[in-house]
Protein backbone atom coordinates (compact mmCIF):
# COMPACT_ATOMS: atom_id res chain seq x y z
CA VAL A 1 152.93 127.82 123.24
CA MET A 2 148.90 127.38 123.00
CA LEU A 3 148.81 125.00 125.92
CA PHE A 4 150.19 127.60 128.34
CA VAL A 5 147.91 130.16 126.83
CA ASN A 6 144.79 128.17 126.93
CA ALA A 7 144.43 124.33 127.92
CA LYS A 8 140.91 124.10 126.98
CA LEU A 9 141.75 125.47 123.37
CA THR A 10 144.61 123.32 123.01
CA LEU A 11 142.74 120.09 123.98
CA ILE A 12 139.91 120.74 121.62
CA CYS A 13 142.76 121.60 118.77
CA VAL A 14 144.48 118.43 119.80
CA ILE A 15 141.20 116.26 119.73
CA ILE A 16 140.54 117.59 116.09
CA GLY A 17 143.86 116.84 114.86
CA VAL A 18 144.05 113.38 116.35
CA ILE A 19 140.63 112.51 114.83
CA ILE A 20 141.91 113.73 111.27
CA ILE A 21 144.93 111.75 111.73
CA VAL A 22 142.91 108.75 112.48
CA ILE A 23 140.60 109.18 109.66
CA THR A 24 143.55 110.11 106.97
CA ARG A 25 146.30 108.15 108.46
CA THR A 26 148.24 111.39 107.66
CA VAL A 27 150.05 113.21 110.50
CA SER A 28 150.77 116.33 108.68
CA LEU A 29 147.29 116.85 107.85
CA GLY A 30 145.79 116.53 111.40
CA SER A 31 148.52 118.85 112.62
CA ILE A 32 147.60 121.53 110.07
CA LEU A 33 143.98 121.27 110.30
CA GLY A 34 144.10 120.69 114.23
CA MET A 35 146.12 124.23 114.30
CA ALA A 36 144.01 125.68 111.41
CA PHE A 37 140.78 125.34 113.44
CA ALA A 38 142.23 127.18 116.61
CA PRO A 39 140.67 130.58 115.68
CA PHE A 40 137.14 128.77 115.13
CA VAL A 41 137.40 126.81 118.23
CA ALA A 42 138.36 130.05 120.12
CA ILE A 43 135.23 132.07 118.64
CA ILE A 44 132.92 129.01 119.88
CA PHE A 45 134.46 127.99 123.26
CA ILE A 46 136.53 130.70 124.78
CA ARG A 47 134.33 133.44 126.71
CA PRO A 48 135.32 136.18 127.12
CA LEU A 49 137.06 136.21 123.84
CA THR A 50 139.27 139.29 123.52
CA LEU A 51 140.26 140.55 120.03
CA ASN A 52 144.10 140.15 121.05
CA PHE A 53 143.56 136.35 121.71
CA PHE A 54 141.75 135.78 118.52
CA LEU A 55 144.41 137.52 116.46
CA PHE A 56 146.95 135.51 118.48
CA THR A 57 145.16 132.10 117.73
CA LEU A 58 145.00 133.56 113.96
CA PHE A 59 148.50 134.07 114.08
CA LEU A 60 149.61 130.62 115.48
CA ALA A 61 147.25 129.01 112.90
CA SER A 62 148.78 131.11 109.98
CA MET A 63 152.43 130.03 111.31
CA SER A 64 151.37 126.60 111.49
CA ILE A 65 150.22 126.70 107.97
CA PHE A 66 153.26 128.41 106.53
CA ARG A 67 155.63 126.03 108.46
CA HIS A 68 153.93 123.12 106.95
CA LYS A 69 154.08 124.60 103.11
CA ASP A 70 156.34 121.41 101.97
CA ASN A 71 153.83 118.90 103.65
CA ILE A 72 150.86 120.89 101.75
CA LYS A 73 152.57 120.63 98.48
CA ARG A 74 152.90 116.77 98.92
CA LEU A 75 149.30 116.41 100.35
CA ILE A 76 148.31 118.10 96.96
CA LYS A 77 150.45 116.21 94.76
CA GLY A 78 149.18 112.79 96.74
CA ILE A 79 152.80 111.93 97.79
CA GLU A 80 152.66 112.73 101.59
CA ASN A 81 153.63 109.97 103.94
CA LYS A 82 151.12 108.18 105.77
CA PHE A 83 151.68 105.88 108.86
């Protein structure tokens, strides 16, 4: 969804996610944090930033975190799969 909304934002979030995956070797953590940073990336890099666009990125980040709730539980327990 984000790719069609704003390619620049998507690219930056993907780069963040890949860096986290490389460092932690945990794909779910990279995915979660890559999306979680979307609202902050929007604040820094998207001009002009409308309230609607910011709220949309906040919604997408929230949905991503919600969809990964089982992964988050495994990360907290230290049993999440690594590659």
